[in-house]
Protein backbone atom coordinates (compact mmCIF):
# COMPACT_ATOMS: atom_id res chain seq x y z
CA MET A 1 110.53 8.76 75.24
CA ILE A 2 110.63 10.92 78.18
CA VAL A 3 107.18 11.53 79.70
CA PRO A 4 106.90 14.46 82.02
CA PRO A 5 104.84 14.45 85.18
CA PRO A 6 101.35 16.05 85.23
CA PRO A 7 101.09 19.81 84.75
CA SER A 8 102.02 21.93 87.85
CA GLY A 9 102.19 25.24 85.92
CA THR A 10 101.34 26.16 82.39
CA TYR A 11 102.32 29.16 80.15
CA ARG A 12 100.18 30.05 77.03
CA LEU A 13 102.14 30.44 73.68
CA GLN A 14 100.20 31.81 70.93
CA PHE A 15 101.75 30.70 67.74
CA HIS A 16 101.60 32.59 64.42
CA ALA A 17 104.05 33.91 61.73
CA GLY A 18 105.34 36.44 64.21
CA PHE A 19 105.98 33.79 66.92
CA THR A 20 107.32 30.50 65.67
CA PHE A 21 108.64 27.26 66.89
CA GLU A 22 112.13 28.77 67.15
CA ASP A 23 110.83 31.68 69.18
CA ALA A 24 109.46 29.18 71.53
CA ARG A 25 112.56 27.07 71.77
CA ARG A 26 114.55 30.16 72.79
CA LEU A 27 111.94 30.95 75.46
CA VAL A 28 112.09 27.48 77.11
CA PRO A 29 115.00 28.22 79.62
CA TYR A 30 113.26 31.44 80.84
CA LEU A 31 109.99 29.47 81.29
CA ASN A 32 111.77 26.72 83.25
CA ASP A 33 113.21 29.44 85.50
CA LEU A 34 109.68 30.73 86.16
CA GLY A 35 108.74 27.11 87.41
CA VAL A 36 106.50 26.34 84.21
CA SER A 37 106.08 22.56 83.82
CA HIS A 38 104.25 22.71 80.52
CA ILE A 39 103.70 25.07 77.62
CA TYR A 40 100.12 25.50 76.70
CA ALA A 41 100.32 25.84 72.85
CA SER A 42 97.79 27.28 70.57
CA PRO A 43 97.01 25.04 67.49
CA TYR A 44 100.05 24.59 65.31
CA LEU A 45 98.75 22.52 62.51
CA ARG A 46 98.42 23.92 59.14
CA ALA A 47 95.77 26.71 59.27
CA ARG A 48 94.55 29.39 56.82
CA SER A 49 97.38 31.51 55.54
CA GLY A 50 98.11 34.49 57.93
CA SER A 51 96.01 32.97 60.71
CA MET A 52 96.83 34.60 64.09
CA HIS A 53 95.10 31.91 66.23
CA GLY A 54 95.34 28.58 64.21
CA TYR A 55 91.84 27.37 64.91
CA ASP A 56 90.92 27.74 61.30
CA VAL A 57 92.80 24.64 60.34
CA ALA A 58 93.40 23.83 56.68
CA ASP A 59 95.32 20.37 56.98
CA PRO A 60 95.15 18.57 60.33
CA SER A 61 97.86 16.14 59.12
CA SER A 62 100.70 18.64 58.78
CA LEU A 63 102.41 21.44 60.79
CA ASN A 64 101.76 25.07 59.90
CA PRO A 65 104.63 26.10 57.54
CA GLU A 66 104.42 29.59 58.75
CA LEU A 67 105.62 28.48 62.20
CA GLY A 68 108.70 26.82 60.89
CA THR A 69 109.98 23.48 59.54
CA GLN A 70 109.80 20.03 61.06
CA GLU A 71 113.30 20.49 62.25
CA ASP A 72 112.30 23.71 64.05
CA PHE A 73 109.47 21.89 65.81
CA ASP A 74 111.79 19.05 66.76
CA GLY A 75 114.25 21.63 68.19
CA MET A 76 111.47 23.01 70.36
CA VAL A 77 110.52 19.66 71.63
CA ALA A 78 114.06 18.75 72.41
CA ALA A 79 114.44 22.03 74.45
CA LEU A 80 111.41 21.04 76.44
CA GLN A 81 112.66 17.68 77.07
CA LYS A 82 116.13 18.92 78.15
CA PHE A 83 114.38 20.85 80.97
CA GLY A 84 111.94 18.00 81.84
CA MET A 85 109.06 20.08 80.48
CA GLY A 86 106.00 19.12 78.45
CA GLN A 87 103.45 20.59 76.23
CA LEU A 88 99.60 20.80 75.94
CA VAL A 89 98.14 21.52 72.58
CA ASP A 90 94.90 23.38 72.18
CA VAL A 91 92.93 21.35 69.54
CA VAL A 92 89.32 22.11 68.36
CA PRO A 93 88.65 19.30 65.82
CA ASN A 94 85.29 20.67 64.62
CA HIS A 95 86.95 23.93 63.43
CA MET A 96 88.26 24.24 59.86
CA GLY A 97 89.22 27.04 57.54
CA ILE A 98 87.60 26.41 54.09
CA GLY A 99 88.76 29.44 52.18
CA ASP A 100 92.48 28.46 51.84
CA PRO A 101 94.28 26.34 49.13
CA GLY A 102 95.91 24.53 51.86
CA ASN A 103 92.62 22.74 52.45
CA PHE A 104 92.99 20.44 49.44
CA ARG A 105 90.47 18.11 50.76
CA TRP A 106 87.55 20.47 50.88
CA LEU A 107 88.42 21.93 47.46
CA ASP A 108 88.47 18.43 45.96
CA VAL A 109 85.06 17.81 47.47
CA LEU A 110 83.75 21.07 46.03
CA GLU A 111 85.04 20.10 42.65
CA ASN A 112 84.12 16.44 42.52
CA GLY A 113 81.20 16.09 44.96
CA PRO A 114 80.45 12.50 46.13
CA ALA A 115 83.11 11.23 43.80
CA SER A 116 85.87 13.01 45.59
CA THR A 117 88.51 10.80 47.30
CA TYR A 118 87.86 12.92 50.40
CA ALA A 119 84.09 12.80 50.36
CA ARG A 120 83.97 10.72 53.50
CA PHE A 121 86.47 12.95 55.33
CA PHE A 122 83.49 15.44 55.97
CA ASP A 123 80.12 14.70 57.45
CA ILE A 124 78.05 15.57 54.48
CA ASN A 125 74.44 14.18 54.01
CA TRP A 126 74.22 13.99 50.25
CA ARG A 127 70.55 12.78 50.39
CA PRO A 128 68.90 14.58 53.28
CA SER A 129 65.62 12.95 54.49
CA GLY A 130 62.69 14.57 52.91
CA SER A 131 64.61 16.54 50.24
CA GLN A 132 63.57 16.57 46.57
CA ALA A 133 65.65 14.76 44.12
CA LYS A 134 66.95 18.19 42.60
CA ASP A 135 68.32 19.06 45.99
CA GLN A 136 70.35 15.97 46.47
CA LEU A 137 74.09 15.55 45.84
CA LYS A 138 74.62 19.11 46.33
CA ILE A 139 76.54 21.38 48.73
CA VAL A 140 75.07 24.78 49.47
CA VAL A 141 77.62 27.46 50.36
CA PRO A 142 76.36 30.80 51.55
CA THR A 143 78.43 33.63 50.25
CA LEU A 144 78.41 37.38 50.29
CA GLY A 145 79.95 39.79 47.79
CA ASP A 146 81.32 42.07 50.45
CA GLN A 147 81.69 42.48 54.24
CA TYR A 148 78.62 41.37 56.15
CA GLY A 149 77.78 44.83 57.50
CA LYS A 150 78.12 46.61 54.00
CA VAL A 151 75.89 44.01 52.49
CA LEU A 152 73.21 44.51 55.19
CA GLU A 153 73.29 48.35 55.13
CA ASN A 154 73.14 48.33 51.26
CA GLY A 155 70.01 46.19 51.38
CA GLU A 156 71.64 43.36 49.44
CA LEU A 157 70.55 40.57 51.64
CA MET A 158 67.30 39.29 50.37
CA ALA A 159 64.67 36.91 51.69
CA PRO A 160 62.85 34.65 49.21
CA SER A 161 60.08 36.76 47.51
CA ALA A 162 60.66 39.67 49.86
CA SER A 163 62.09 43.20 49.90
CA PRO A 164 65.70 43.84 51.04
CA ILE A 165 66.36 43.13 54.71
CA THR A 166 67.60 45.89 56.85
CA SER A 167 69.39 45.70 60.26
CA THR A 168 66.21 47.15 62.09
CA SER A 169 63.65 44.86 60.61
CA THR A 170 61.85 42.20 62.48
CA ARG A 171 62.24 39.89 59.38
CA TRP A 172 66.04 40.40 59.46
CA ARG A 173 66.24 39.31 63.17
CA ARG A 174 64.30 36.16 62.39
CA ILE A 175 66.42 35.28 59.40
CA ARG A 176 69.71 36.27 60.98
CA THR A 177 68.95 33.72 63.81
CA ARG A 178 68.17 31.09 61.25
CA CYS A 179 71.24 31.91 59.06
CA CYS A 180 73.76 31.92 61.81
CA SER A 181 72.66 28.68 63.45
CA ARG A 182 73.16 26.88 60.00
CA THR A 183 76.28 28.56 58.45
CA SER A 184 78.29 27.56 61.55
CA ALA A 185 78.48 24.01 60.29
CA ILE A 186 78.99 24.65 56.67
CA ALA A 187 82.47 22.92 56.61
CA TRP A 188 80.90 19.70 57.83
CA ARG A 189 77.34 19.27 56.63
CA ARG A 190 74.95 20.40 53.96
CA SER A 191 73.41 23.79 54.69
CA SER A 192 70.48 25.73 53.24
CA ALA A 193 71.10 28.93 54.96
CA GLY A 194 69.60 32.22 54.02
CA GLY A 195 71.36 35.01 52.09
CA THR A 196 73.15 34.83 48.64
CA SER A 197 74.21 31.30 48.07
CA THR A 198 75.76 29.26 45.38
CA SER A 199 75.49 25.53 44.72
CA ARG A 200 76.72 22.84 42.53
CA SER A 201 75.31 19.46 41.76
CA TRP A 202 76.83 16.23 40.57
CA PRO A 203 75.40 13.16 38.86
CA ALA A 204 74.25 10.19 40.97
CA PHE A 205 76.60 7.33 41.34
């Protein structure tokens, strides 16, 4: 295996369905003429369908099929090696897209709970300290019936035992802070964020 020297000049490539491995392969000679030593690649593992950035990964163990085949990827790598160039890959391991059928692990956990083959793949606390028995072995998933702004303006976002929340209310500002801080980790751990939510429980094992 040819190991290129440390980067001396990088060039960002933003992969998506409109810019594929084959497009990158054809660009390599031009980048070499510019003096680029390494391409700086956006995430190219399988992401949510139609992703324009690749950070919403659905399957970290396979290439994104929208970017090409394994042969296309190998062709890009071969072109880089031909010119003594390397690649840096942008990876954010705590990001995941959960709304895509390609994320079969997450879907299996939602369906089978702790009995899922992939239950240990995610950092889920099935029995949070201090929780009641009825709240254990559950995943709480906050969902909205429409776009966030529309739900807010229509007064559909409700606080427990309270009137609808509006964008100008003090109560909304407090709940928005609480909600956003929790929902950011929904793909990895149990959450009890505000807003409309759905949950499912499974029998103890």
